[in-house]
Amino acid sequence: MIDWLDQIDRNLFLYFNGFYSDFSDQVWIWLTYAPTWIPLYILLFYFFIKVFKKEGFYMIAGLLLVVLACDQFTSTFMKPYFARWRPCHDPVIGHLVHVAEGCGGQFGFASSHSANSFGIAMFAFMVFRHFWRWTWLMFVWAAVVAFSRIMVGVHYPGDILVGGILGIVFGWLIFKALNEIYFRIKLKPIIKN
């Protein structure tokens, strides 16, 4: 069963990774590069403070905790424990992989980029879902960031799927803990829209 899933993962990766050009490489590199999204993070911080005033700082701390939990769990525990090769280091298919820019560390299961982006998306969604109906677009952003990892040649679809699930779980758990600690029953807007 594991071998079958591994083969499907490799085939899906090679299918998507095979669609590249010089232009698309630059787009995927830009999308996958974490500093690209600094304006989005600043905007989230701004809305935390705007909507929740002083309590917004707890929201910022919660979001940072989500990223820390996602990143440490995937990078410190999962990657060395499972020791699954990144596609670009995989001895079976490494020679077929199109790497847009650098391969990264040896192991890639699960994707930290995917976990972090889906963790941020889930936390932001839980915080703002009652205030802005377009908050679900955070998941679209997270999916694009996660998919970019396939396109630059450093993660299998399974890596990003598991990373995304972990991010959603961590984002939800940390939101619930923060909500319980600081807001008791439910979040209420401090500033009416």
C-alpha atoms as a PDB file:
ATOM      1  CA  MET A   1       0.000   0.000   0.000  1.00  0.00           C
ATOM      2  CA  ILE A   2       2.768   2.456   0.934  1.00  0.00           C
ATOM      3  CA  ASP A   3       4.686   1.642  -2.256  1.00  0.00           C
ATOM      4  CA  TRP A   4       1.527   2.220  -4.304  1.00  0.00           C
ATOM      5  CA  LEU A   5       0.917   5.624  -2.658  1.00  0.00           C
ATOM      6  CA  ASP A   6       4.573   6.509  -3.130  1.00  0.00           C
ATOM      7  CA  GLN A   7       4.345   5.700  -6.834  1.00  0.00           C
ATOM      8  CA  ILE A   8       1.199   7.827  -7.243  1.00  0.00           C
ATOM      9  CA  ASP A   9       2.958  10.676  -5.404  1.00  0.00           C
ATOM     10  CA  ARG A  10       5.973  10.435  -7.722  1.00  0.00           C
ATOM     11  CA  ASN A  11       3.825  10.295 -10.847  1.00  0.00           C
ATOM     12  CA  LEU A  12       1.734  13.310  -9.785  1.00  0.00           C
ATOM     13  CA  PHE A  13       4.868  15.234  -8.907  1.00  0.00           C
ATOM     14  CA  LEU A  14       6.516  14.493 -12.271  1.00  0.00           C
ATOM     15  CA  TYR A  15       3.333  15.416 -14.121  1.00  0.00           C
ATOM     16  CA  PHE A  16       3.017  18.869 -12.526  1.00  0.00           C
ATOM     17  CA  ASN A  17       6.738  19.560 -12.263  1.00  0.00           C
ATOM     18  CA  GLY A  18       7.049  18.926 -16.004  1.00  0.00           C
ATOM     19  CA  PHE A  19       5.128  22.116 -16.839  1.00  0.00           C
ATOM     20  CA  TYR A  20       7.819  24.754 -16.708  1.00  0.00           C
ATOM     21  CA  SER A  21       9.392  27.571 -18.654  1.00  0.00           C
ATOM     22  CA  ASP A  22      11.863  30.315 -17.807  1.00  0.00           C
ATOM     23  CA  PHE A  23       8.961  32.667 -17.129  1.00  0.00           C
ATOM     24  CA  SER A  24       6.942  30.224 -15.001  1.00  0.00           C
ATOM     25  CA  ASP A  25      10.067  29.345 -13.009  1.00  0.00           C
ATOM     26  CA  GLN A  26      10.459  32.993 -12.031  1.00  0.00           C
ATOM     27  CA  VAL A  27       6.771  33.220 -11.044  1.00  0.00           C
ATOM     28  CA  TRP A  28       6.933  30.046  -8.902  1.00  0.00           C
ATOM     29  CA  ILE A  29      10.198  31.136  -7.277  1.00  0.00           C
ATOM     30  CA  TRP A  30       8.617  34.481  -6.410  1.00  0.00           C
ATOM     31  CA  LEU A  31       5.483  32.788  -5.007  1.00  0.00           C
ATOM     32  CA  THR A  32       7.425  30.282  -2.909  1.00  0.00           C
ATOM     33  CA  TYR A  33       9.863  32.863  -1.497  1.00  0.00           C
ATOM     34  CA  ALA A  34       8.680  33.656   2.071  1.00  0.00           C
ATOM     35  CA  PRO A  35       9.653  37.387   2.044  1.00  0.00           C
ATOM     36  CA  THR A  36       7.276  37.878  -0.920  1.00  0.00           C
ATOM     37  CA  TRP A  37       4.421  37.602   1.555  1.00  0.00           C
ATOM     38  CA  ILE A  38       5.679  40.096   4.166  1.00  0.00           C
ATOM     39  CA  PRO A  39       3.062  42.684   3.039  1.00  0.00           C
ATOM     40  CA  LEU A  40       0.326  40.093   3.667  1.00  0.00           C
ATOM     41  CA  TYR A  41       1.646  39.390   7.163  1.00  0.00           C
ATOM     42  CA  ILE A  42       1.848  43.117   7.938  1.00  0.00           C
ATOM     43  CA  LEU A  43      -1.743  43.502   6.707  1.00  0.00           C
ATOM     44  CA  LEU A  44      -2.876  40.673   8.998  1.00  0.00           C
ATOM     45  CA  PHE A  45      -1.105  42.285  11.954  1.00  0.00           C
ATOM     46  CA  TYR A  46      -2.748  45.611  11.088  1.00  0.00           C
ATOM     47  CA  PHE A  47      -6.223  44.041  11.018  1.00  0.00           C
ATOM     48  CA  PHE A  48      -5.603  42.218  14.311  1.00  0.00           C
ATOM     49  CA  ILE A  49      -4.864  45.571  15.961  1.00  0.00           C
ATOM     50  CA  LYS A  50      -7.617  47.459  14.100  1.00  0.00           C
ATOM     51  CA  VAL A  51     -10.348  44.979  14.987  1.00  0.00           C
ATOM     52  CA  PHE A  52      -9.222  43.824  18.436  1.00  0.00           C
ATOM     53  CA  LYS A  53      -7.240  46.818  19.725  1.00  0.00           C
ATOM     54  CA  LYS A  54      -5.083  45.665  22.658  1.00  0.00           C
ATOM     55  CA  GLU A  55      -6.190  42.059  22.295  1.00  0.00           C
ATOM     56  CA  GLY A  56      -4.812  42.187  18.751  1.00  0.00           C
ATOM     57  CA  PHE A  57      -1.339  41.689  20.204  1.00  0.00           C
ATOM     58  CA  TYR A  58      -2.526  38.332  21.582  1.00  0.00           C
ATOM     59  CA  MET A  59      -3.710  37.479  18.070  1.00  0.00           C
ATOM     60  CA  ILE A  60      -0.294  38.360  16.651  1.00  0.00           C
ATOM     61  CA  ALA A  61       1.351  36.195  19.319  1.00  0.00           C
ATOM     62  CA  GLY A  62      -1.074  33.384  18.449  1.00  0.00           C
ATOM     63  CA  LEU A  63      -0.231  33.621  14.751  1.00  0.00           C
ATOM     64  CA  LEU A  64       3.493  33.568  15.501  1.00  0.00           C
ATOM     65  CA  LEU A  65       2.929  30.536  17.728  1.00  0.00           C
ATOM     66  CA  VAL A  66       1.141  28.782  14.849  1.00  0.00           C
ATOM     67  CA  VAL A  67       4.137  29.359  12.551  1.00  0.00           C
ATOM     68  CA  LEU A  68       6.576  28.242  15.242  1.00  0.00           C
ATOM     69  CA  ALA A  69       4.585  25.064  15.971  1.00  0.00           C
ATOM     70  CA  CYS A  70       4.138  24.185  12.287  1.00  0.00           C
ATOM     71  CA  ASP A  71       7.738  24.884  11.386  1.00  0.00           C
ATOM     72  CA  GLN A  72       9.287  23.073  14.333  1.00  0.00           C
ATOM     73  CA  PHE A  73       7.015  20.040  14.095  1.00  0.00           C
ATOM     74  CA  THR A  74       7.696  19.514  10.392  1.00  0.00           C
ATOM     75  CA  SER A  75      11.389  20.494  10.306  1.00  0.00           C
ATOM     76  CA  THR A  76      12.637  19.291  13.666  1.00  0.00           C
ATOM     77  CA  PHE A  77      10.529  16.170  14.134  1.00  0.00           C
ATOM     78  CA  MET A  78       8.997  14.905  10.882  1.00  0.00           C
ATOM     79  CA  LYS A  79      11.754  15.438   8.323  1.00  0.00           C
ATOM     80  CA  PRO A  80      14.499  13.627  10.269  1.00  0.00           C
ATOM     81  CA  TYR A  81      12.091  10.984  11.616  1.00  0.00           C
ATOM     82  CA  PHE A  82      10.557   9.953   8.283  1.00  0.00           C
ATOM     83  CA  ALA A  83      13.708  10.729   6.248  1.00  0.00           C
ATOM     84  CA  ARG A  84      11.797  10.849   2.964  1.00  0.00           C
ATOM     85  CA  TRP A  85      13.920  12.274   0.154  1.00  0.00           C
ATOM     86  CA  ARG A  86      12.958  15.511  -1.487  1.00  0.00           C
ATOM     87  CA  PRO A  87      12.168  14.801  -5.156  1.00  0.00           C
ATOM     88  CA  CYS A  88      15.316  16.632  -6.246  1.00  0.00           C
ATOM     89  CA  HIS A  89      17.423  14.336  -4.000  1.00  0.00           C
ATOM     90  CA  ASP A  90      15.428  11.165  -4.691  1.00  0.00           C
ATOM     91  CA  PRO A  91      17.802   8.528  -6.167  1.00  0.00           C
ATOM     92  CA  VAL A  92      14.923   7.047  -8.210  1.00  0.00           C
ATOM     93  CA  ILE A  93      13.583  10.177  -9.948  1.00  0.00           C
ATOM     94  CA  GLY A  94      16.039  12.949  -9.034  1.00  0.00           C
ATOM     95  CA  HIS A  95      17.447  13.029 -12.579  1.00  0.00           C
ATOM     96  CA  LEU A  96      13.928  13.756 -13.958  1.00  0.00           C
ATOM     97  CA  VAL A  97      13.136  16.638 -11.594  1.00  0.00           C
ATOM     98  CA  HIS A  98      13.115  20.201 -12.836  1.00  0.00           C
ATOM     99  CA  VAL A  99      14.579  22.308 -10.014  1.00  0.00           C
ATOM    100  CA  ALA A 100      13.842  26.000 -10.466  1.00  0.00           C
ATOM    101  CA  GLU A 101      16.247  27.226  -7.803  1.00  0.00           C
ATOM    102  CA  GLY A 102      18.176  25.137  -5.281  1.00  0.00           C
ATOM    103  CA  CYS A 103      17.022  21.867  -3.788  1.00  0.00           C
ATOM    104  CA  GLY A 104      17.205  22.520  -0.047  1.00  0.00           C
ATOM    105  CA  GLY A 105      17.827  19.904   2.624  1.00  0.00           C
ATOM    106  CA  GLN A 106      17.817  16.170   1.970  1.00  0.00           C
ATOM    107  CA  PHE A 107      14.394  15.381   3.383  1.00  0.00           C
ATOM    108  CA  GLY A 108      11.023  16.901   2.573  1.00  0.00           C
ATOM    109  CA  PHE A 109       8.237  15.129   4.474  1.00  0.00           C
ATOM    110  CA  ALA A 110       6.251  17.132   5.450  1.00  0.00           C
ATOM    111  CA  SER A 111       6.446  20.524   3.796  1.00  0.00           C
ATOM    112  CA  SER A 112       7.105  23.351   6.247  1.00  0.00           C
ATOM    113  CA  HIS A 113       5.989  25.939   3.674  1.00  0.00           C
ATOM    114  CA  SER A 114       2.669  24.152   3.311  1.00  0.00           C
ATOM    115  CA  ALA A 115       2.199  23.721   7.067  1.00  0.00           C
ATOM    116  CA  ASN A 116       3.063  27.355   7.768  1.00  0.00           C
ATOM    117  CA  SER A 117       0.843  28.810   5.049  1.00  0.00           C
ATOM    118  CA  PHE A 118      -2.167  26.625   5.886  1.00  0.00           C
ATOM    119  CA  GLY A 119      -1.616  27.286   9.608  1.00  0.00           C
ATOM    120  CA  ILE A 120      -1.672  31.045   8.972  1.00  0.00           C
ATOM    121  CA  ALA A 121      -4.716  30.654   6.714  1.00  0.00           C
ATOM    122  CA  MET A 122      -6.644  28.613   9.297  1.00  0.00           C
ATOM    123  CA  PHE A 123      -5.801  30.939  12.170  1.00  0.00           C
ATOM    124  CA  ALA A 124      -6.740  34.054  10.151  1.00  0.00           C
ATOM    125  CA  PHE A 125      -9.928  32.366   8.935  1.00  0.00           C
ATOM    126  CA  MET A 126     -10.981  31.453  12.470  1.00  0.00           C
ATOM    127  CA  VAL A 127     -10.304  34.984  13.708  1.00  0.00           C
ATOM    128  CA  PHE A 128     -11.941  36.931  10.878  1.00  0.00           C
ATOM    129  CA  ARG A 129     -14.585  34.555   9.501  1.00  0.00           C
ATOM    130  CA  HIS A 130     -17.461  36.481  11.124  1.00  0.00           C
ATOM    131  CA  PHE A 131     -16.160  39.870  10.017  1.00  0.00           C
ATOM    132  CA  TRP A 132     -15.168  39.463   6.369  1.00  0.00           C
ATOM    133  CA  ARG A 133     -16.801  37.005   4.032  1.00  0.00           C
ATOM    134  CA  TRP A 134     -13.712  36.827   1.806  1.00  0.00           C
ATOM    135  CA  THR A 135     -11.484  35.433   4.554  1.00  0.00           C
ATOM    136  CA  TRP A 136     -11.680  31.979   2.916  1.00  0.00           C
ATOM    137  CA  LEU A 137      -9.341  33.358   0.223  1.00  0.00           C
ATOM    138  CA  MET A 138      -6.520  32.807   2.705  1.00  0.00           C
ATOM    139  CA  PHE A 139      -6.835  29.100   1.852  1.00  0.00           C
ATOM    140  CA  VAL A 140      -6.420  29.886  -1.845  1.00  0.00           C
ATOM    141  CA  TRP A 141      -3.225  31.778  -0.997  1.00  0.00           C
ATOM    142  CA  ALA A 142      -2.011  28.831   1.123  1.00  0.00           C
ATOM    143  CA  ALA A 143      -2.752  26.366  -1.690  1.00  0.00           C
ATOM    144  CA  VAL A 144      -0.776  28.481  -4.190  1.00  0.00           C
ATOM    145  CA  VAL A 145       2.206  28.666  -1.831  1.00  0.00           C
ATOM    146  CA  ALA A 146       2.021  24.914  -1.207  1.00  0.00           C
ATOM    147  CA  PHE A 147       1.691  24.078  -4.916  1.00  0.00           C
ATOM    148  CA  SER A 148       4.690  26.278  -5.699  1.00  0.00           C
ATOM    149  CA  ARG A 149       6.827  23.762  -3.790  1.00  0.00           C
ATOM    150  CA  ILE A 150       6.030  21.117  -6.417  1.00  0.00           C
ATOM    151  CA  MET A 151       6.726  23.514  -9.249  1.00  0.00           C
ATOM    152  CA  VAL A 152      10.163  24.499  -7.943  1.00  0.00           C
ATOM    153  CA  GLY A 153      10.999  20.794  -7.542  1.00  0.00           C
ATOM    154  CA  VAL A 154      11.404  20.416  -3.780  1.00  0.00           C
ATOM    155  CA  HIS A 155       8.250  18.627  -2.513  1.00  0.00           C
ATOM    156  CA  TYR A 156       5.965  15.811  -3.505  1.00  0.00           C
ATOM    157  CA  PRO A 157       2.181  16.365  -3.457  1.00  0.00           C
ATOM    158  CA  GLY A 158       1.989  14.109  -0.385  1.00  0.00           C
ATOM    159  CA  ASP A 159       4.493  16.344   1.419  1.00  0.00           C
ATOM    160  CA  ILE A 160       2.362  19.415   0.836  1.00  0.00           C
ATOM    161  CA  LEU A 161      -0.918  17.603   1.571  1.00  0.00           C
ATOM    162  CA  VAL A 162       0.281  16.357   4.956  1.00  0.00           C
ATOM    163  CA  GLY A 163       1.917  19.729   5.682  1.00  0.00           C
ATOM    164  CA  GLY A 164      -1.362  21.488   4.843  1.00  0.00           C
ATOM    165  CA  ILE A 165      -3.369  19.194   7.119  1.00  0.00           C
ATOM    166  CA  LEU A 166      -0.908  19.756   9.964  1.00  0.00           C
ATOM    167  CA  GLY A 167      -1.088  23.514   9.423  1.00  0.00           C
ATOM    168  CA  ILE A 168      -4.882  23.468   9.558  1.00  0.00           C
ATOM    169  CA  VAL A 169      -4.806  21.404  12.762  1.00  0.00           C
ATOM    170  CA  PHE A 170      -2.217  23.634  14.460  1.00  0.00           C
ATOM    171  CA  GLY A 171      -4.000  26.808  13.319  1.00  0.00           C
ATOM    172  CA  TRP A 172      -7.310  25.543  14.669  1.00  0.00           C
ATOM    173  CA  LEU A 173      -5.893  24.237  17.969  1.00  0.00           C
ATOM    174  CA  ILE A 174      -3.953  27.404  18.740  1.00  0.00           C
ATOM    175  CA  PHE A 175      -6.949  29.574  17.847  1.00  0.00           C
ATOM    176  CA  LYS A 176      -9.179  27.500  20.138  1.00  0.00           C
ATOM    177  CA  ALA A 177      -6.663  27.731  22.991  1.00  0.00           C
ATOM    178  CA  LEU A 178      -6.299  31.486  22.510  1.00  0.00           C
ATOM    179  CA  ASN A 179     -10.058  31.914  22.255  1.00  0.00           C
ATOM    180  CA  GLU A 180     -10.548  29.967  25.465  1.00  0.00           C
ATOM    181  CA  ILE A 181      -7.873  31.886  27.332  1.00  0.00           C
ATOM    182  CA  TYR A 182      -8.579  35.432  26.163  1.00  0.00           C
ATOM    183  CA  PHE A 183     -12.091  35.552  24.799  1.00  0.00           C
ATOM    184  CA  ARG A 184     -13.847  32.845  26.829  1.00  0.00           C
ATOM    185  CA  ILE A 185     -16.789  31.816  24.646  1.00  0.00           C
ATOM    186  CA  LYS A 186     -16.524  33.607  21.285  1.00  0.00           C
ATOM    187  CA  LEU A 187     -14.741  36.439  19.549  1.00  0.00           C
ATOM    188  CA  LYS A 188     -16.595  39.719  19.274  1.00  0.00           C
ATOM    189  CA  PRO A 189     -15.523  42.700  17.244  1.00  0.00           C
ATOM    190  CA  ILE A 190     -14.162  45.626  19.205  1.00  0.00           C
ATOM    191  CA  ILE A 191     -14.718  47.948  16.245  1.00  0.00           C
ATOM    192  CA  LYS A 192     -18.064  47.636  14.428  1.00  0.00           C
ATOM    193  CA  ASN A 193     -17.695  47.474  10.646  1.00  0.00           C
END
